[in-house]
C-alpha atoms as a PDB file:
ATOM      1  CA  MET A   1     -10.911  16.358  -6.402  1.00  0.00           C
ATOM      2  CA  VAL A   2      -9.634  12.857  -5.672  1.00  0.00           C
ATOM      3  CA  ALA A   3     -11.678  10.074  -4.096  1.00  0.00           C
ATOM      4  CA  PRO A   4      -9.667   7.323  -2.392  1.00  0.00           C
ATOM      5  CA  VAL A   5     -10.851   3.723  -2.610  1.00  0.00           C
ATOM      6  CA  VAL A   6      -9.472   1.153  -0.161  1.00  0.00           C
ATOM      7  CA  VAL A   7      -9.797  -2.486  -1.217  1.00  0.00           C
ATOM      8  CA  MET A   8      -9.671  -4.922   1.694  1.00  0.00           C
ATOM      9  CA  ALA A   9      -9.941  -8.678   2.219  1.00  0.00           C
ATOM     10  CA  ASP A  10     -10.671 -11.013   5.098  1.00  0.00           C
ATOM     11  CA  MET A  11      -7.501 -13.075   4.691  1.00  0.00           C
ATOM     12  CA  ALA A  12      -8.075 -15.135   7.843  1.00  0.00           C
ATOM     13  CA  SER A  13     -11.511 -16.239   6.661  1.00  0.00           C
ATOM     14  CA  MET A  14     -10.279 -16.949   3.128  1.00  0.00           C
ATOM     15  CA  THR A  15      -7.339 -18.982   4.436  1.00  0.00           C
ATOM     16  CA  ALA A  16      -9.580 -20.985   6.778  1.00  0.00           C
ATOM     17  CA  HIS A  17     -12.210 -21.638   4.094  1.00  0.00           C
ATOM     18  CA  PHE A  18      -9.700 -23.021   1.593  1.00  0.00           C
ATOM     19  CA  ALA A  19      -7.358 -24.671   4.142  1.00  0.00           C
ATOM     20  CA  ASP A  20      -7.867 -28.143   2.647  1.00  0.00           C
ATOM     21  CA  GLN A  21      -6.614 -27.052  -0.791  1.00  0.00           C
ATOM     22  CA  PRO A  22      -2.892 -27.070  -1.589  1.00  0.00           C
ATOM     23  CA  PRO A  23      -0.629 -25.295  -1.075  1.00  0.00           C
ATOM     24  CA  PRO A  24      -1.482 -25.268   2.637  1.00  0.00           C
ATOM     25  CA  SER A  25      -2.583 -21.886   4.024  1.00  0.00           C
ATOM     26  CA  GLU A  26      -2.027 -20.139   0.677  1.00  0.00           C
ATOM     27  CA  ARG A  27      -4.967 -20.965  -1.595  1.00  0.00           C
ATOM     28  CA  GLY A  28      -7.410 -18.608   0.121  1.00  0.00           C
ATOM     29  CA  ALA A  29      -4.965 -15.710   0.001  1.00  0.00           C
ATOM     30  CA  ARG A  30      -4.407 -16.358  -3.711  1.00  0.00           C
ATOM     31  CA  TYR A  31      -8.147 -16.088  -4.321  1.00  0.00           C
ATOM     32  CA  ALA A  32      -8.298 -12.840  -2.328  1.00  0.00           C
ATOM     33  CA  TRP A  33      -5.475 -11.344  -4.437  1.00  0.00           C
ATOM     34  CA  ILE A  34      -7.170 -12.511  -7.662  1.00  0.00           C
ATOM     35  CA  GLU A  35     -10.424 -10.848  -6.577  1.00  0.00           C
ATOM     36  CA  THR A  36      -8.539  -7.671  -5.661  1.00  0.00           C
ATOM     37  CA  GLY A  37      -7.085  -7.573  -9.173  1.00  0.00           C
ATOM     38  CA  ALA A  38     -10.468  -8.120 -10.821  1.00  0.00           C
ATOM     39  CA  LEU A  39     -12.118  -5.460  -8.672  1.00  0.00           C
ATOM     40  CA  THR A  40      -9.412  -2.866  -9.319  1.00  0.00           C
ATOM     41  CA  GLN A  41      -9.545  -3.581 -13.060  1.00  0.00           C
ATOM     42  CA  ASN A  42     -13.307  -2.971 -13.062  1.00  0.00           C
ATOM     43  CA  ILE A  43     -12.812   0.323 -11.217  1.00  0.00           C
ATOM     44  CA  HIS A  44     -10.192   1.330 -13.806  1.00  0.00           C
ATOM     45  CA  LEU A  45     -12.560   0.481 -16.662  1.00  0.00           C
ATOM     46  CA  GLN A  46     -15.502   2.322 -15.128  1.00  0.00           C
ATOM     47  CA  ALA A  47     -13.413   5.393 -14.278  1.00  0.00           C
ATOM     48  CA  THR A  48     -12.071   5.525 -17.829  1.00  0.00           C
ATOM     49  CA  GLY A  49     -15.607   5.206 -19.185  1.00  0.00           C
ATOM     50  CA  LEU A  50     -16.625   8.192 -17.049  1.00  0.00           C
ATOM     51  CA  GLY A  51     -13.649  10.244 -18.217  1.00  0.00           C
ATOM     52  CA  LEU A  52     -11.892  10.058 -14.855  1.00  0.00           C
ATOM     53  CA  GLY A  53      -8.303   9.283 -14.014  1.00  0.00           C
ATOM     54  CA  VAL A  54      -7.380   6.430 -11.707  1.00  0.00           C
ATOM     55  CA  VAL A  55      -4.123   5.323 -10.139  1.00  0.00           C
ATOM     56  CA  LEU A  56      -3.542   1.981  -8.410  1.00  0.00           C
ATOM     57  CA  VAL A  57      -1.308   2.201  -5.354  1.00  0.00           C
ATOM     58  CA  GLY A  58       0.195  -1.102  -4.255  1.00  0.00           C
ATOM     59  CA  GLY A  59       3.141   0.194  -2.257  1.00  0.00           C
ATOM     60  CA  PHE A  60       1.550   1.461   0.932  1.00  0.00           C
ATOM     61  CA  ASP A  61       2.119   0.986   4.631  1.00  0.00           C
ATOM     62  CA  ASP A  62      -0.410  -1.687   5.613  1.00  0.00           C
ATOM     63  CA  ALA A  63      -0.325  -0.763   9.306  1.00  0.00           C
ATOM     64  CA  ARG A  64      -0.977   2.929   8.636  1.00  0.00           C
ATOM     65  CA  VAL A  65      -3.888   2.173   6.320  1.00  0.00           C
ATOM     66  CA  GLN A  66      -5.299  -0.263   8.888  1.00  0.00           C
ATOM     67  CA  ALA A  67      -4.912   2.397  11.605  1.00  0.00           C
ATOM     68  CA  THR A  68      -7.270   4.706   9.691  1.00  0.00           C
ATOM     69  CA  LEU A  69      -9.952   2.018  10.016  1.00  0.00           C
ATOM     70  CA  PRO A  70      -9.464   0.870  13.648  1.00  0.00           C
ATOM     71  CA  GLU A  71     -12.635  -1.216  13.931  1.00  0.00           C
ATOM     72  CA  CYS A  72     -12.019  -3.089  10.688  1.00  0.00           C
ATOM     73  CA  ALA A  73     -10.416  -6.545  10.886  1.00  0.00           C
ATOM     74  CA  LEU A  74      -9.793  -6.747   7.160  1.00  0.00           C
ATOM     75  CA  GLN A  75      -6.399  -6.497   5.462  1.00  0.00           C
ATOM     76  CA  PRO A  76      -5.857  -3.718   2.903  1.00  0.00           C
ATOM     77  CA  THR A  77      -4.914  -5.188  -0.483  1.00  0.00           C
ATOM     78  CA  ALA A  78      -4.936  -2.116  -2.751  1.00  0.00           C
ATOM     79  CA  LEU A  79      -5.556   1.613  -2.799  1.00  0.00           C
ATOM     80  CA  LEU A  80      -6.994   3.534  -5.715  1.00  0.00           C
ATOM     81  CA  CYS A  81      -7.126   7.260  -6.268  1.00  0.00           C
ATOM     82  CA  VAL A  82      -9.954   8.285  -8.594  1.00  0.00           C
ATOM     83  CA  GLY A  83     -10.419  11.825  -9.861  1.00  0.00           C
ATOM     84  CA  ARG A  84     -10.363  14.255 -12.727  1.00  0.00           C
ATOM     85  CA  TYR A  85      -7.317  14.678 -14.898  1.00  0.00           C
ATOM     86  CA  LYS A  86      -5.192  17.731 -14.094  1.00  0.00           C
ATOM     87  CA  GLY A  87      -6.420  20.653 -16.143  1.00  0.00           C
ATOM     88  CA  ASP A  88      -9.969  19.294 -16.640  1.00  0.00           C
ATOM     89  CA  ALA A  89     -12.687  21.755 -15.735  1.00  0.00           C
END
């Protein structure tokens, strides 16, 4: 069994909040990507501690992921697949 985890960020809000910091219109997005990395690392560590496998997927179709969550205004930043290793009982 595999459980998907979708990591998302409010890029518009982050960009607006940090708009006065250089480089213009980029600082907030940088922070969102840093937080995405920290969050996915923690999921990797916890999954490993529980004896589960985890795969980070960064190459996905943003629009298709967003379409699965039509009422969500957030931008997908990462996907994770968490589950048991093949052959585990």
